[in-house]
């Protein structure tokens, strides 16, 4: 009787191990497919060379920003859609967050610029996310670079808390 129980137990153990290996194999297949999809997307690279993997979604970054106060800084990599680009040189861009907020992105050491016609396109940015207070004159400068009318610029009269990002590298998703 002991031998029969031992054989039954051994068979059950082998069957359960085999099924777990299959599940692990399925997970590895899904991860490999996701990496392949990332690799299949073509990006134009600006600034420091970065890779597309491990970027936080705009939704996840919005959560991080909501927990930050003026002066806080975190290292981050995020993926988002471009809402606006500096029309003078491409020296800054604004990215959409899902809660209606925007992230003001500048480029480290003024070291690179973005094309001026990328509104609506997806980018991955790498660098430092922070919250700051932008003075009136700087807000007016950005509004002018963005093509605002003199009337719109004149309406800027108070400093504004801004979600910001200093990017050292950017990947622009190509069509």
N, C-alpha and C. Protein backbone atom coordinates (compact mmCIF):
# COMPACT_ATOMS: atom_id res chain seq x y z
N UNK A 1 0.82 -1.19 0.00
CA UNK A 1 0.00 0.00 0.00
C UNK A 1 0.86 1.26 0.00
N UNK A 2 1.98 1.23 0.78
CA UNK A 2 2.88 2.37 0.82
C UNK A 2 3.46 2.66 -0.56
N UNK A 3 3.77 1.59 -1.28
CA UNK A 3 4.37 1.76 -2.60
C UNK A 3 3.37 2.40 -3.58
N UNK A 4 2.13 2.02 -3.48
CA UNK A 4 1.12 2.59 -4.38
C UNK A 4 0.96 4.08 -4.09
N UNK A 5 0.88 4.44 -2.81
CA UNK A 5 0.77 5.86 -2.44
C UNK A 5 1.99 6.65 -2.90
N UNK A 6 3.15 6.06 -2.79
CA UNK A 6 4.38 6.73 -3.22
C UNK A 6 4.36 6.96 -4.72
N UNK A 7 3.91 5.95 -5.49
CA UNK A 7 3.84 6.08 -6.94
C UNK A 7 2.81 7.15 -7.32
N UNK A 8 1.65 7.14 -6.69
CA UNK A 8 0.61 8.11 -6.99
C UNK A 8 1.10 9.53 -6.67
N UNK A 9 1.74 9.69 -5.52
CA UNK A 9 2.26 10.99 -5.12
C UNK A 9 3.32 11.48 -6.10
N UNK A 10 4.20 10.61 -6.53
CA UNK A 10 5.26 10.96 -7.49
C UNK A 10 4.66 11.39 -8.83
N UNK A 11 3.66 10.67 -9.32
CA UNK A 11 3.02 11.00 -10.58
C UNK A 11 2.34 12.37 -10.47
N UNK A 12 1.62 12.61 -9.39
CA UNK A 12 0.96 13.91 -9.19
C UNK A 12 1.97 15.04 -9.13
N UNK A 13 3.08 14.81 -8.47
CA UNK A 13 4.13 15.82 -8.36
C UNK A 13 4.70 16.15 -9.74
N UNK A 14 4.97 15.13 -10.54
CA UNK A 14 5.51 15.34 -11.89
C UNK A 14 4.52 16.07 -12.78
N UNK A 15 3.26 15.73 -12.70
CA UNK A 15 2.23 16.37 -13.52
C UNK A 15 2.10 17.84 -13.12
N UNK A 16 2.07 18.12 -11.84
CA UNK A 16 1.92 19.52 -11.40
C UNK A 16 3.14 20.34 -11.78
N UNK A 17 4.33 19.79 -11.72
CA UNK A 17 5.54 20.52 -12.13
C UNK A 17 5.51 20.81 -13.62
N UNK A 18 5.04 19.85 -14.39
CA UNK A 18 4.99 20.02 -15.83
C UNK A 18 4.03 21.16 -16.20
N UNK A 19 2.89 21.25 -15.53
CA UNK A 19 1.92 22.30 -15.81
C UNK A 19 2.47 23.67 -15.42
N UNK A 20 3.20 23.75 -14.30
CA UNK A 20 3.77 25.02 -13.88
C UNK A 20 4.82 25.50 -14.87
N UNK A 21 5.62 24.58 -15.38
CA UNK A 21 6.61 24.95 -16.38
C UNK A 21 5.93 25.50 -17.62
N UNK A 22 4.78 24.92 -17.96
CA UNK A 22 4.03 25.39 -19.12
C UNK A 22 3.55 26.82 -18.87
N UNK A 23 3.05 27.10 -17.67
CA UNK A 23 2.58 28.44 -17.34
C UNK A 23 3.73 29.44 -17.38
N UNK A 24 4.88 29.07 -16.84
CA UNK A 24 6.05 29.93 -16.90
C UNK A 24 6.46 30.17 -18.34
N UNK A 25 6.36 29.15 -19.16
CA UNK A 25 6.69 29.27 -20.58
C UNK A 25 5.74 30.22 -21.28
N UNK A 26 4.44 30.15 -20.93
CA UNK A 26 3.46 31.06 -21.52
C UNK A 26 3.77 32.51 -21.15
N UNK A 27 4.15 32.77 -19.88
CA UNK A 27 4.49 34.11 -19.43
C UNK A 27 5.72 34.62 -20.17
N UNK A 28 6.71 33.76 -20.33
CA UNK A 28 7.93 34.15 -21.05
C UNK A 28 7.59 34.49 -22.51
N UNK A 29 6.66 33.74 -23.08
CA UNK A 29 6.25 34.02 -24.47
C UNK A 29 5.59 35.38 -24.57
N UNK A 30 4.71 35.72 -23.62
CA UNK A 30 4.04 37.02 -23.61
C UNK A 30 5.07 38.14 -23.45
N UNK A 31 6.03 37.96 -22.52
CA UNK A 31 7.05 38.98 -22.33
C UNK A 31 7.90 39.15 -23.58
N UNK A 32 8.24 38.06 -24.22
CA UNK A 32 9.04 38.12 -25.45
C UNK A 32 8.26 38.84 -26.55
N UNK A 33 6.97 38.55 -26.67
CA UNK A 33 6.14 39.21 -27.68
C UNK A 33 6.06 40.72 -27.42
N UNK A 34 5.94 41.11 -26.14
CA UNK A 34 5.87 42.54 -25.80
C UNK A 34 7.19 43.23 -26.16
N UNK A 35 8.32 42.59 -25.86
CA UNK A 35 9.62 43.16 -26.21
C UNK A 35 9.77 43.27 -27.73
N UNK A 36 9.28 42.26 -28.45
CA UNK A 36 9.37 42.29 -29.90
C UNK A 36 8.55 43.45 -30.45
N UNK A 37 7.35 43.69 -29.89
CA UNK A 37 6.53 44.80 -30.33
C UNK A 37 7.25 46.13 -30.11
N UNK A 38 7.91 46.29 -28.93
CA UNK A 38 8.66 47.51 -28.68
C UNK A 38 9.79 47.67 -29.69
N UNK A 39 10.45 46.56 -30.01
CA UNK A 39 11.56 46.61 -30.94
C UNK A 39 11.08 46.90 -32.36
N UNK A 40 9.86 46.49 -32.68
CA UNK A 40 9.31 46.71 -34.02
C UNK A 40 8.96 48.17 -34.26
N UNK A 41 8.71 48.95 -33.20
CA UNK A 41 8.38 50.36 -33.33
C UNK A 41 9.67 51.11 -33.66
N UNK A 42 9.61 51.99 -34.62
CA UNK A 42 10.77 52.78 -35.03
C UNK A 42 10.71 54.15 -34.34
N UNK A 43 11.85 54.55 -33.79
CA UNK A 43 11.96 55.83 -33.11
C UNK A 43 13.10 56.65 -33.68
N UNK A 44 12.90 57.96 -33.73
CA UNK A 44 14.00 58.89 -33.99
C UNK A 44 14.53 59.29 -32.62
N UNK A 45 15.83 59.31 -32.46
CA UNK A 45 16.45 59.58 -31.17
C UNK A 45 17.04 60.98 -31.14
N UNK A 46 16.83 61.67 -30.01
CA UNK A 46 17.36 63.01 -29.79
C UNK A 46 18.05 63.04 -28.44
N UNK A 47 19.20 63.71 -28.36
CA UNK A 47 19.93 63.79 -27.11
C UNK A 47 20.60 62.48 -26.77
N UNK A 48 20.66 62.18 -25.48
CA UNK A 48 21.26 60.94 -24.98
C UNK A 48 20.51 59.73 -25.55
N UNK A 49 21.24 58.69 -25.91
CA UNK A 49 20.61 57.46 -26.41
C UNK A 49 19.89 56.77 -25.26
N UNK A 50 18.60 56.50 -25.46
CA UNK A 50 17.80 55.80 -24.47
C UNK A 50 17.06 54.66 -25.16
N UNK A 51 16.52 53.75 -24.36
CA UNK A 51 15.73 52.65 -24.90
C UNK A 51 14.26 52.85 -24.52
N UNK A 52 13.39 52.22 -25.27
CA UNK A 52 11.95 52.42 -25.09
C UNK A 52 11.38 51.68 -23.88
N UNK A 53 12.03 50.62 -23.45
CA UNK A 53 11.44 49.81 -22.36
C UNK A 53 11.47 50.55 -21.03
N UNK A 54 10.60 50.15 -20.14
CA UNK A 54 10.49 50.66 -18.77
C UNK A 54 9.96 52.09 -18.67
N UNK A 55 9.38 52.64 -19.71
CA UNK A 55 8.80 53.98 -19.63
C UNK A 55 7.44 53.91 -18.94
N UNK A 56 7.20 54.85 -18.05
CA UNK A 56 5.91 54.93 -17.38
C UNK A 56 4.88 55.58 -18.30
N UNK A 57 3.66 55.15 -18.18
CA UNK A 57 2.58 55.76 -18.96
C UNK A 57 2.31 57.17 -18.43
N UNK A 58 1.66 57.99 -19.23
CA UNK A 58 1.29 59.34 -18.80
C UNK A 58 0.37 59.26 -17.57
N UNK A 59 -0.48 58.25 -17.53
CA UNK A 59 -1.38 58.07 -16.38
C UNK A 59 -0.59 57.84 -15.10
N UNK A 60 0.43 57.00 -15.17
CA UNK A 60 1.26 56.69 -14.00
C UNK A 60 2.07 57.92 -13.58
N UNK A 61 2.60 58.67 -14.55
CA UNK A 61 3.35 59.88 -14.22
C UNK A 61 2.45 60.92 -13.57
N UNK A 62 1.19 60.99 -13.99
CA UNK A 62 0.26 61.94 -13.38
C UNK A 62 0.11 61.65 -11.89
N UNK A 63 0.10 60.37 -11.52
CA UNK A 63 0.03 59.98 -10.11
C UNK A 63 1.27 60.46 -9.37
N UNK A 64 2.44 60.26 -9.97
CA UNK A 64 3.69 60.73 -9.33
C UNK A 64 3.65 62.25 -9.15
N UNK A 65 3.26 62.97 -10.21
CA UNK A 65 3.21 64.43 -10.12
C UNK A 65 2.22 64.89 -9.05
N UNK A 66 1.10 64.19 -8.89
CA UNK A 66 0.09 64.59 -7.91
C UNK A 66 0.63 64.50 -6.48
N UNK A 67 1.64 63.67 -6.28
CA UNK A 67 2.23 63.51 -4.95
C UNK A 67 3.45 64.40 -4.72
N UNK A 68 3.79 65.23 -5.71
CA UNK A 68 4.97 66.09 -5.60
C UNK A 68 4.56 67.51 -5.25
N UNK A 69 5.46 68.23 -4.59
CA UNK A 69 5.24 69.65 -4.30
C UNK A 69 6.38 70.44 -4.93
N UNK A 70 6.26 71.76 -4.96
CA UNK A 70 7.28 72.62 -5.56
C UNK A 70 8.64 72.28 -4.94
N UNK A 71 9.61 72.03 -5.81
CA UNK A 71 10.97 71.70 -5.37
C UNK A 71 11.30 70.21 -5.41
N UNK A 72 10.28 69.35 -5.47
CA UNK A 72 10.52 67.91 -5.54
C UNK A 72 11.03 67.51 -6.93
N UNK A 73 11.93 66.52 -6.96
CA UNK A 73 12.49 66.03 -8.22
C UNK A 73 12.61 64.52 -8.14
N UNK A 74 12.28 63.82 -9.25
CA UNK A 74 12.48 62.37 -9.34
C UNK A 74 13.05 62.03 -10.72
N UNK A 75 13.88 60.99 -10.77
CA UNK A 75 14.34 60.45 -12.05
C UNK A 75 13.19 59.67 -12.66
N UNK A 76 12.96 59.85 -13.95
CA UNK A 76 11.81 59.19 -14.58
C UNK A 76 12.02 59.00 -16.07
N UNK A 77 11.24 58.08 -16.61
CA UNK A 77 11.12 57.88 -18.06
C UNK A 77 9.64 57.70 -18.31
N UNK A 78 9.10 58.51 -19.21
CA UNK A 78 7.66 58.44 -19.45
C UNK A 78 7.35 58.48 -20.94
N UNK A 79 6.16 57.99 -21.25
CA UNK A 79 5.67 58.00 -22.63
C UNK A 79 4.38 58.82 -22.64
N UNK A 80 4.28 59.76 -23.60
CA UNK A 80 3.11 60.62 -23.67
C UNK A 80 2.99 61.22 -25.07
N UNK A 81 1.87 61.88 -25.32
CA UNK A 81 1.64 62.55 -26.60
C UNK A 81 2.04 64.02 -26.48
N UNK A 82 2.63 64.53 -27.55
CA UNK A 82 3.05 65.92 -27.60
C UNK A 82 1.82 66.78 -27.88
N UNK A 83 1.66 67.83 -27.06
CA UNK A 83 0.56 68.75 -27.26
C UNK A 83 1.02 69.99 -28.01
N UNK A 84 2.23 70.45 -27.70
CA UNK A 84 2.71 71.72 -28.26
C UNK A 84 4.23 71.70 -28.30
N UNK A 85 4.82 72.40 -29.28
CA UNK A 85 6.27 72.50 -29.41
C UNK A 85 6.63 73.96 -29.66
N UNK A 86 7.77 74.38 -29.12
CA UNK A 86 8.27 75.73 -29.39
C UNK A 86 8.38 75.92 -30.89
N UNK A 87 7.71 76.94 -31.41
CA UNK A 87 7.72 77.19 -32.85
C UNK A 87 8.90 78.05 -33.28
N UNK A 88 9.68 78.56 -32.31
CA UNK A 88 10.86 79.35 -32.66
C UNK A 88 12.03 78.42 -33.01
N UNK A 89 12.32 77.44 -32.12
CA UNK A 89 13.48 76.57 -32.33
C UNK A 89 13.22 75.09 -32.07
N UNK A 90 12.11 74.76 -31.42
CA UNK A 90 11.90 73.38 -30.98
C UNK A 90 12.61 73.12 -29.67
N UNK A 91 12.81 74.20 -28.88
CA UNK A 91 13.61 74.10 -27.65
C UNK A 91 12.81 73.68 -26.42
N UNK A 92 11.52 73.50 -26.52
CA UNK A 92 10.70 72.94 -25.45
C UNK A 92 9.46 72.30 -26.08
N UNK A 93 8.79 71.48 -25.29
CA UNK A 93 7.52 70.91 -25.73
C UNK A 93 6.64 70.68 -24.52
N UNK A 94 5.36 70.60 -24.75
CA UNK A 94 4.40 70.30 -23.69
C UNK A 94 3.76 68.96 -24.01
N UNK A 95 3.69 68.10 -22.99
CA UNK A 95 3.09 66.77 -23.14
C UNK A 95 1.78 66.70 -22.38
N UNK A 96 0.84 65.95 -22.92
CA UNK A 96 -0.47 65.77 -22.29
C UNK A 96 -0.40 64.75 -21.17
N UNK A 97 -1.09 65.08 -20.08
CA UNK A 97 -1.39 64.11 -19.02
C UNK A 97 -2.89 63.88 -19.05
N UNK A 98 -3.35 62.71 -18.61
CA UNK A 98 -4.77 62.38 -18.75
C UNK A 98 -5.72 63.25 -17.93
N UNK A 99 -5.24 63.93 -16.90
CA UNK A 99 -6.12 64.73 -16.06
C UNK A 99 -6.27 66.17 -16.56
N UNK A 100 -5.86 66.41 -17.82
CA UNK A 100 -5.97 67.75 -18.38
C UNK A 100 -4.74 68.61 -18.13
N UNK A 101 -3.83 68.13 -17.31
CA UNK A 101 -2.59 68.85 -17.04
C UNK A 101 -1.63 68.65 -18.20
N UNK A 102 -0.59 69.48 -18.23
CA UNK A 102 0.48 69.34 -19.20
C UNK A 102 1.81 69.31 -18.46
N UNK A 103 2.79 68.67 -19.08
CA UNK A 103 4.15 68.66 -18.56
C UNK A 103 4.99 69.51 -19.49
N UNK A 104 5.66 70.51 -18.92
CA UNK A 104 6.56 71.38 -19.69
C UNK A 104 7.93 70.70 -19.74
N UNK A 105 8.37 70.35 -20.94
CA UNK A 105 9.63 69.63 -21.11
C UNK A 105 10.67 70.57 -21.72
N UNK A 106 11.80 70.68 -21.04
CA UNK A 106 12.96 71.39 -21.57
C UNK A 106 14.06 70.34 -21.76
N UNK A 107 15.09 70.71 -22.50
CA UNK A 107 16.14 69.75 -22.83
C UNK A 107 17.44 70.12 -22.12
N UNK A 108 18.03 69.11 -21.49
CA UNK A 108 19.20 69.31 -20.64
C UNK A 108 20.29 70.10 -21.37
N UNK A 109 20.77 71.12 -20.69
CA UNK A 109 21.86 71.97 -21.19
C UNK A 109 21.56 72.58 -22.55
N UNK A 110 20.26 72.68 -22.89
CA UNK A 110 19.87 73.24 -24.19
C UNK A 110 20.60 72.49 -25.30
N UNK A 111 20.82 71.17 -25.04
CA UNK A 111 21.70 70.36 -25.88
C UNK A 111 21.11 69.83 -27.17
N UNK A 112 19.80 69.86 -27.32
CA UNK A 112 19.17 69.37 -28.55
C UNK A 112 17.79 69.99 -28.67
N UNK A 113 17.22 69.90 -29.84
CA UNK A 113 15.90 70.47 -30.12
C UNK A 113 15.03 69.41 -30.78
N UNK A 114 13.74 69.64 -30.74
CA UNK A 114 12.79 68.73 -31.36
C UNK A 114 12.22 69.38 -32.63
N UNK A 115 11.76 68.55 -33.58
CA UNK A 115 11.09 69.10 -34.76
C UNK A 115 9.85 69.90 -34.32
N UNK A 116 9.52 70.93 -35.04
CA UNK A 116 8.41 71.81 -34.66
C UNK A 116 7.04 71.26 -35.05
N UNK A 117 7.00 70.19 -35.83
CA UNK A 117 5.73 69.68 -36.36
C UNK A 117 5.31 68.34 -35.75
N UNK A 118 5.59 68.13 -34.47
CA UNK A 118 5.31 66.82 -33.88
C UNK A 118 4.11 66.80 -32.95
N UNK A 119 3.31 67.84 -32.92
CA UNK A 119 2.11 67.84 -32.08
C UNK A 119 1.25 66.63 -32.42
N UNK A 120 0.78 65.94 -31.38
CA UNK A 120 -0.05 64.76 -31.57
C UNK A 120 0.73 63.46 -31.66
N UNK A 121 2.04 63.55 -31.77
CA UNK A 121 2.87 62.33 -31.88
C UNK A 121 3.28 61.85 -30.49
N UNK A 122 3.67 60.59 -30.42
CA UNK A 122 4.07 59.97 -29.17
C UNK A 122 5.58 60.07 -28.98
N UNK A 123 5.99 60.41 -27.75
CA UNK A 123 7.41 60.47 -27.42
C UNK A 123 7.66 59.72 -26.13
N UNK A 124 8.89 59.28 -25.97
CA UNK A 124 9.38 58.73 -24.71
C UNK A 124 10.49 59.67 -24.27
N UNK A 125 10.36 60.20 -23.04
CA UNK A 125 11.37 61.12 -22.53
C UNK A 125 12.03 60.52 -21.30
N UNK A 126 13.31 60.81 -21.14
CA UNK A 126 14.08 60.31 -20.01
C UNK A 126 14.75 61.50 -19.33
N UNK A 127 14.74 61.52 -18.01
CA UNK A 127 15.42 62.60 -17.30
C UNK A 127 14.87 62.81 -15.91
N UNK A 128 14.63 64.08 -15.56
CA UNK A 128 14.17 64.43 -14.22
C UNK A 128 12.82 65.13 -14.28
N UNK A 129 11.87 64.59 -13.54
CA UNK A 129 10.55 65.20 -13.39
C UNK A 129 10.58 66.06 -12.13
N UNK A 130 9.99 67.24 -12.21
CA UNK A 130 9.96 68.12 -11.04
C UNK A 130 8.77 69.07 -11.12
N UNK A 131 8.50 69.70 -9.99
CA UNK A 131 7.43 70.69 -9.92
C UNK A 131 8.09 72.01 -9.55
N UNK A 132 7.76 73.07 -10.29
CA UNK A 132 8.32 74.38 -9.98
C UNK A 132 7.27 75.47 -10.16
N UNK A 133 7.66 76.67 -9.79
CA UNK A 133 6.78 77.81 -9.97
C UNK A 133 7.41 78.69 -11.04
N UNK A 134 6.67 78.92 -12.13
CA UNK A 134 7.19 79.67 -13.27
C UNK A 134 6.77 81.13 -13.15
N UNK A 135 7.75 82.06 -13.17
CA UNK A 135 7.42 83.48 -13.08
C UNK A 135 6.68 83.99 -14.31
N UNK A 136 6.03 85.13 -14.18
CA UNK A 136 5.21 85.72 -15.24
C UNK A 136 6.00 85.93 -16.52
N UNK A 137 7.21 86.51 -16.42
CA UNK A 137 7.98 86.81 -17.62
C UNK A 137 8.36 85.55 -18.39
N UNK A 138 8.65 84.48 -17.69
CA UNK A 138 8.99 83.21 -18.36
C UNK A 138 7.75 82.61 -19.03
N UNK A 139 6.59 82.68 -18.35
CA UNK A 139 5.35 82.20 -18.95
C UNK A 139 5.02 82.97 -20.22
N UNK A 140 5.23 84.27 -20.19
CA UNK A 140 4.97 85.10 -21.37
C UNK A 140 5.91 84.74 -22.51
N UNK A 141 7.16 84.46 -22.18
CA UNK A 141 8.14 84.05 -23.20
C UNK A 141 7.68 82.76 -23.88
N UNK A 142 7.27 81.77 -23.09
CA UNK A 142 6.81 80.50 -23.66
C UNK A 142 5.55 80.69 -24.50
N UNK A 143 4.66 81.56 -24.03
CA UNK A 143 3.42 81.82 -24.78
C UNK A 143 3.77 82.45 -26.13
N UNK A 144 4.73 83.37 -26.13
CA UNK A 144 5.14 84.01 -27.38
C UNK A 144 5.76 82.98 -28.33
N UNK A 145 6.65 82.11 -27.78
CA UNK A 145 7.27 81.05 -28.59
C UNK A 145 6.22 80.09 -29.15
N UNK A 146 5.14 79.89 -28.39
CA UNK A 146 4.08 78.99 -28.81
C UNK A 146 3.12 79.59 -29.81
N UNK A 147 3.29 80.88 -30.12
CA UNK A 147 2.44 81.52 -31.12
C UNK A 147 1.21 82.20 -30.55
N UNK A 148 1.21 82.50 -29.24
CA UNK A 148 0.05 83.16 -28.63
C UNK A 148 -0.07 84.60 -29.13
N UNK A 149 -1.28 85.11 -29.10
CA UNK A 149 -1.53 86.49 -29.51
C UNK A 149 -1.09 87.44 -28.39
N UNK A 150 -0.86 88.71 -28.71
CA UNK A 150 -0.49 89.68 -27.66
C UNK A 150 -1.56 89.78 -26.56
N UNK A 151 -2.82 89.62 -26.93
CA UNK A 151 -3.90 89.66 -25.93
C UNK A 151 -3.78 88.48 -24.96
N UNK A 152 -3.50 87.29 -25.48
CA UNK A 152 -3.34 86.11 -24.64
C UNK A 152 -2.13 86.26 -23.71
N UNK A 153 -1.06 86.81 -24.24
CA UNK A 153 0.16 87.02 -23.44
C UNK A 153 -0.11 88.02 -22.32
N UNK A 154 -0.86 89.07 -22.60
CA UNK A 154 -1.17 90.11 -21.60
C UNK A 154 -1.99 89.55 -20.44
N UNK A 155 -2.73 88.49 -20.66
CA UNK A 155 -3.56 87.88 -19.61
C UNK A 155 -2.73 87.12 -18.57
N UNK A 156 -1.47 86.88 -18.85
CA UNK A 156 -0.59 86.17 -17.91
C UNK A 156 -0.09 87.18 -16.89
N UNK A 157 -0.60 87.07 -15.66
CA UNK A 157 -0.28 88.08 -14.64
C UNK A 157 0.20 87.51 -13.31
N UNK A 158 0.21 86.17 -13.18
CA UNK A 158 0.61 85.57 -11.90
C UNK A 158 1.53 84.38 -12.13
N UNK A 159 2.46 84.14 -11.18
CA UNK A 159 3.29 82.94 -11.27
C UNK A 159 2.40 81.69 -11.27
N UNK A 160 2.89 80.62 -11.86
CA UNK A 160 2.07 79.42 -12.00
C UNK A 160 2.87 78.18 -11.59
N UNK A 161 2.23 77.33 -10.80
CA UNK A 161 2.83 76.03 -10.46
C UNK A 161 2.82 75.18 -11.73
N UNK A 162 3.97 74.63 -12.09
CA UNK A 162 4.10 73.90 -13.35
C UNK A 162 4.70 72.52 -13.13
N UNK A 163 4.13 71.52 -13.81
CA UNK A 163 4.71 70.19 -13.85
C UNK A 163 5.78 70.24 -14.93
N UNK A 164 7.01 69.94 -14.58
CA UNK A 164 8.13 70.13 -15.50
C UNK A 164 8.94 68.86 -15.64
N UNK A 165 9.78 68.86 -16.67
CA UNK A 165 10.64 67.71 -16.94
C UNK A 165 11.89 68.21 -17.67
N UNK A 166 13.05 67.82 -17.20
CA UNK A 166 14.30 68.11 -17.91
C UNK A 166 14.73 66.82 -18.57
N UNK A 167 14.59 66.77 -19.88
CA UNK A 167 14.89 65.55 -20.64
C UNK A 167 16.34 65.54 -21.09
N UNK A 168 17.00 64.41 -20.88
CA UNK A 168 18.36 64.25 -21.42
C UNK A 168 18.34 63.40 -22.68
N UNK A 169 17.22 62.70 -22.93
CA UNK A 169 17.06 61.91 -24.13
C UNK A 169 15.59 61.79 -24.49
N UNK A 170 15.30 61.76 -25.79
CA UNK A 170 13.92 61.65 -26.26
C UNK A 170 13.88 60.68 -27.43
N UNK A 171 12.86 59.83 -27.44
CA UNK A 171 12.56 58.99 -28.58
C UNK A 171 11.24 59.47 -29.16
N UNK A 172 11.24 59.77 -30.45
CA UNK A 172 10.04 60.21 -31.16
C UNK A 172 9.55 59.06 -32.02
N UNK A 173 8.33 58.61 -31.75
CA UNK A 173 7.76 57.50 -32.51
C UNK A 173 7.57 57.93 -33.96
N UNK A 174 8.14 57.15 -34.87
CA UNK A 174 8.00 57.46 -36.29
C UNK A 174 6.77 56.77 -36.86
N UNK A 175 6.15 57.40 -37.84
CA UNK A 175 4.94 56.83 -38.45
C UNK A 175 5.25 55.64 -39.31
